[in-house]
Amino acid sequence: QKGHNDTIRVHPMNSENRGEKVEMICEELGGLKRSGGIGDILAGSVGALLAWNKILSTKPYSSGNSDTNMDLALSCWIACSFTKRATYKAFEKRKRSMTAPDILEEIGAVVDEVASSTIQS
């Protein structure tokens, strides 16, 4: 069903990451059209968030209490949320003529919106 929930599953893959399986549900409402390129936007968002997570998991930023499987799942979940929210906003503006570049135009505002709602003044 379009706009339906997506499930993110992370399974331990090697001896270094012997944690529990992590499963998260992305309930963010997406747009009602699937255009080519949305998967590329999602993949790029996942890559960026994983890179930021890697930077923040190194000294001097890290507290040393990192769960690799949970960090991976959260990065995927946040990327999914960003992409679905940006797709929703692009669809609201462009309806059936929405394409991937329209979604890219919304990503920055979506990231700012989410970040500003989590920053405590």
C-alpha atoms as a PDB file:
ATOM      1  CA  GLN A   1       0.000   0.000   0.000  1.00  0.00           C
ATOM      2  CA  LYS A   2       1.435   3.378  -0.986  1.00  0.00           C
ATOM      3  CA  GLY A   3       2.530   5.489   1.962  1.00  0.00           C
ATOM      4  CA  HIS A   4       2.506   2.384   4.177  1.00  0.00           C
ATOM      5  CA  ASN A   5       4.976   1.646   6.974  1.00  0.00           C
ATOM      6  CA  ASP A   6       8.450   0.357   6.147  1.00  0.00           C
ATOM      7  CA  THR A   7      10.344  -2.110   8.322  1.00  0.00           C
ATOM      8  CA  ILE A   8      14.087  -1.728   8.908  1.00  0.00           C
ATOM      9  CA  ARG A   9      15.841  -4.934  10.005  1.00  0.00           C
ATOM     10  CA  VAL A  10      19.486  -5.157  10.997  1.00  0.00           C
ATOM     11  CA  HIS A  11      21.059  -8.554  11.619  1.00  0.00           C
ATOM     12  CA  PRO A  12      24.554  -9.131  13.027  1.00  0.00           C
ATOM     13  CA  MET A  13      26.762  -9.943  10.063  1.00  0.00           C
ATOM     14  CA  ASN A  14      30.176 -10.876  11.442  1.00  0.00           C
ATOM     15  CA  SER A  15      32.014 -11.770  14.628  1.00  0.00           C
ATOM     16  CA  GLU A  16      32.679  -8.088  15.323  1.00  0.00           C
ATOM     17  CA  ASN A  17      28.971  -7.217  15.475  1.00  0.00           C
ATOM     18  CA  ARG A  18      27.551  -9.925  17.705  1.00  0.00           C
ATOM     19  CA  GLY A  19      24.522  -8.042  18.883  1.00  0.00           C
ATOM     20  CA  GLU A  20      20.848  -8.692  18.809  1.00  0.00           C
ATOM     21  CA  LYS A  21      18.762  -8.335  15.711  1.00  0.00           C
ATOM     22  CA  VAL A  22      17.262  -4.830  15.575  1.00  0.00           C
ATOM     23  CA  GLU A  23      13.913  -4.093  13.955  1.00  0.00           C
ATOM     24  CA  MET A  24      12.340  -0.659  13.627  1.00  0.00           C
ATOM     25  CA  ILE A  25       9.182   0.559  11.887  1.00  0.00           C
ATOM     26  CA  CYS A  26       9.193   3.799   9.882  1.00  0.00           C
ATOM     27  CA  GLU A  27       5.643   5.133  10.172  1.00  0.00           C
ATOM     28  CA  GLU A  28       6.329   8.410   8.353  1.00  0.00           C
ATOM     29  CA  LEU A  29       3.714   9.089   5.682  1.00  0.00           C
ATOM     30  CA  GLY A  30       5.183   9.197   2.191  1.00  0.00           C
ATOM     31  CA  GLY A  31       3.893  10.647  -1.044  1.00  0.00           C
ATOM     32  CA  LEU A  32       1.299   8.843  -3.129  1.00  0.00           C
ATOM     33  CA  LYS A  33       3.528   8.518  -6.178  1.00  0.00           C
ATOM     34  CA  ARG A  34       6.636   6.417  -6.646  1.00  0.00           C
ATOM     35  CA  SER A  35       8.971   7.936  -9.197  1.00  0.00           C
ATOM     36  CA  GLY A  36      12.332   6.718 -10.386  1.00  0.00           C
ATOM     37  CA  GLY A  37      15.196   7.935  -8.231  1.00  0.00           C
ATOM     38  CA  ILE A  38      13.567   7.706  -4.798  1.00  0.00           C
ATOM     39  CA  GLY A  39      15.740   4.688  -3.969  1.00  0.00           C
ATOM     40  CA  ASP A  40      18.815   6.695  -4.956  1.00  0.00           C
ATOM     41  CA  ILE A  41      17.758   9.490  -2.601  1.00  0.00           C
ATOM     42  CA  LEU A  42      17.233   6.954   0.180  1.00  0.00           C
ATOM     43  CA  ALA A  43      20.615   5.317  -0.493  1.00  0.00           C
ATOM     44  CA  GLY A  44      22.385   8.684  -0.437  1.00  0.00           C
ATOM     45  CA  SER A  45      20.643   9.622   2.821  1.00  0.00           C
ATOM     46  CA  VAL A  46      21.631   6.305   4.417  1.00  0.00           C
ATOM     47  CA  GLY A  47      25.234   6.813   3.289  1.00  0.00           C
ATOM     48  CA  ALA A  48      25.389  10.345   4.682  1.00  0.00           C
ATOM     49  CA  LEU A  49      23.898   9.332   8.026  1.00  0.00           C
ATOM     50  CA  LEU A  50      26.208   6.325   8.351  1.00  0.00           C
ATOM     51  CA  ALA A  51      29.202   8.564   7.623  1.00  0.00           C
ATOM     52  CA  TRP A  52      28.083  11.105  10.242  1.00  0.00           C
ATOM     53  CA  ASN A  53      27.518   8.259  12.705  1.00  0.00           C
ATOM     54  CA  LYS A  54      31.020   6.917  12.034  1.00  0.00           C
ATOM     55  CA  ILE A  55      32.524  10.351  12.668  1.00  0.00           C
ATOM     56  CA  LEU A  56      30.533  10.789  15.882  1.00  0.00           C
ATOM     57  CA  SER A  57      31.503   7.307  17.103  1.00  0.00           C
ATOM     58  CA  THR A  58      35.206   8.204  17.082  1.00  0.00           C
ATOM     59  CA  LYS A  59      37.095  10.156  19.695  1.00  0.00           C
ATOM     60  CA  PRO A  60      36.726  12.951  20.811  1.00  0.00           C
ATOM     61  CA  TYR A  61      32.977  12.815  20.065  1.00  0.00           C
ATOM     62  CA  SER A  62      32.169   9.335  21.314  1.00  0.00           C
ATOM     63  CA  SER A  63      31.105   8.352  24.814  1.00  0.00           C
ATOM     64  CA  GLY A  64      32.325   4.827  24.044  1.00  0.00           C
ATOM     65  CA  ASN A  65      28.851   3.357  24.579  1.00  0.00           C
ATOM     66  CA  SER A  66      27.914   2.612  20.989  1.00  0.00           C
ATOM     67  CA  ASP A  67      25.766  -0.283  19.780  1.00  0.00           C
ATOM     68  CA  THR A  68      26.750  -0.857  16.137  1.00  0.00           C
ATOM     69  CA  ASN A  69      23.532  -2.653  15.200  1.00  0.00           C
ATOM     70  CA  MET A  70      21.346  -0.005  16.820  1.00  0.00           C
ATOM     71  CA  ASP A  71      23.383   2.807  15.212  1.00  0.00           C
ATOM     72  CA  LEU A  72      22.959   1.175  11.810  1.00  0.00           C
ATOM     73  CA  ALA A  73      19.227   0.705  12.306  1.00  0.00           C
ATOM     74  CA  LEU A  74      18.769   4.292  13.502  1.00  0.00           C
ATOM     75  CA  SER A  75      20.686   5.653  10.513  1.00  0.00           C
ATOM     76  CA  CYS A  76      18.458   3.648   8.161  1.00  0.00           C
ATOM     77  CA  TRP A  77      15.295   4.651  10.030  1.00  0.00           C
ATOM     78  CA  ILE A  78      16.169   8.359   9.983  1.00  0.00           C
ATOM     79  CA  ALA A  79      17.048   8.197   6.264  1.00  0.00           C
ATOM     80  CA  CYS A  80      13.729   6.461   5.585  1.00  0.00           C
ATOM     81  CA  SER A  81      11.872   9.138   7.574  1.00  0.00           C
ATOM     82  CA  PHE A  82      13.649  11.989   5.770  1.00  0.00           C
ATOM     83  CA  THR A  83      12.984  10.470   2.358  1.00  0.00           C
ATOM     84  CA  LYS A  84       9.327   9.704   3.029  1.00  0.00           C
ATOM     85  CA  ARG A  85       8.630  13.146   4.511  1.00  0.00           C
ATOM     86  CA  ALA A  86      10.387  14.894   1.608  1.00  0.00           C
ATOM     87  CA  THR A  87       8.418  12.717  -0.845  1.00  0.00           C
ATOM     88  CA  TYR A  88       5.181  13.681   0.907  1.00  0.00           C
ATOM     89  CA  LYS A  89       6.010  17.390   0.730  1.00  0.00           C
ATOM     90  CA  ALA A  90       7.051  17.165  -2.918  1.00  0.00           C
ATOM     91  CA  PHE A  91       3.857  15.282  -3.773  1.00  0.00           C
ATOM     92  CA  GLU A  92       1.761  17.946  -2.018  1.00  0.00           C
ATOM     93  CA  LYS A  93       3.301  20.584  -4.309  1.00  0.00           C
ATOM     94  CA  ARG A  94       3.628  18.700  -7.610  1.00  0.00           C
ATOM     95  CA  LYS A  95       1.013  15.926  -7.379  1.00  0.00           C
ATOM     96  CA  ARG A  96       1.397  13.368 -10.204  1.00  0.00           C
ATOM     97  CA  SER A  97       4.116  15.386 -11.950  1.00  0.00           C
ATOM     98  CA  MET A  98       6.491  14.871  -8.997  1.00  0.00           C
ATOM     99  CA  THR A  99       9.934  13.503  -9.850  1.00  0.00           C
ATOM    100  CA  ALA A 100      13.079  12.763  -7.843  1.00  0.00           C
ATOM    101  CA  PRO A 101      14.530  16.290  -8.260  1.00  0.00           C
ATOM    102  CA  ASP A 102      11.375  17.655  -6.598  1.00  0.00           C
ATOM    103  CA  ILE A 103      12.082  15.396  -3.615  1.00  0.00           C
ATOM    104  CA  LEU A 104      15.698  16.567  -3.477  1.00  0.00           C
ATOM    105  CA  GLU A 105      14.446  20.157  -3.253  1.00  0.00           C
ATOM    106  CA  GLU A 106      12.563  19.209  -0.072  1.00  0.00           C
ATOM    107  CA  ILE A 107      15.295  17.198   1.702  1.00  0.00           C
ATOM    108  CA  GLY A 108      17.157  20.196   3.153  1.00  0.00           C
ATOM    109  CA  ALA A 109      14.021  21.716   4.662  1.00  0.00           C
ATOM    110  CA  VAL A 110      12.986  18.329   6.070  1.00  0.00           C
ATOM    111  CA  VAL A 111      16.378  17.799   7.733  1.00  0.00           C
ATOM    112  CA  ASP A 112      16.235  21.331   9.186  1.00  0.00           C
ATOM    113  CA  GLU A 113      12.669  20.750  10.407  1.00  0.00           C
ATOM    114  CA  VAL A 114      13.569  17.503  12.143  1.00  0.00           C
ATOM    115  CA  ALA A 115      16.835  18.864  13.574  1.00  0.00           C
ATOM    116  CA  SER A 116      15.203  22.006  14.924  1.00  0.00           C
ATOM    117  CA  SER A 117      12.500  19.955  16.639  1.00  0.00           C
ATOM    118  CA  THR A 118      15.156  17.950  18.519  1.00  0.00           C
ATOM    119  CA  ILE A 119      17.481  20.761  19.565  1.00  0.00           C
ATOM    120  CA  GLN A 120      16.798  22.056  23.036  1.00  0.00           C
ATOM    121  CA  SER A 121      17.102  25.801  23.515  1.00  0.00           C
END
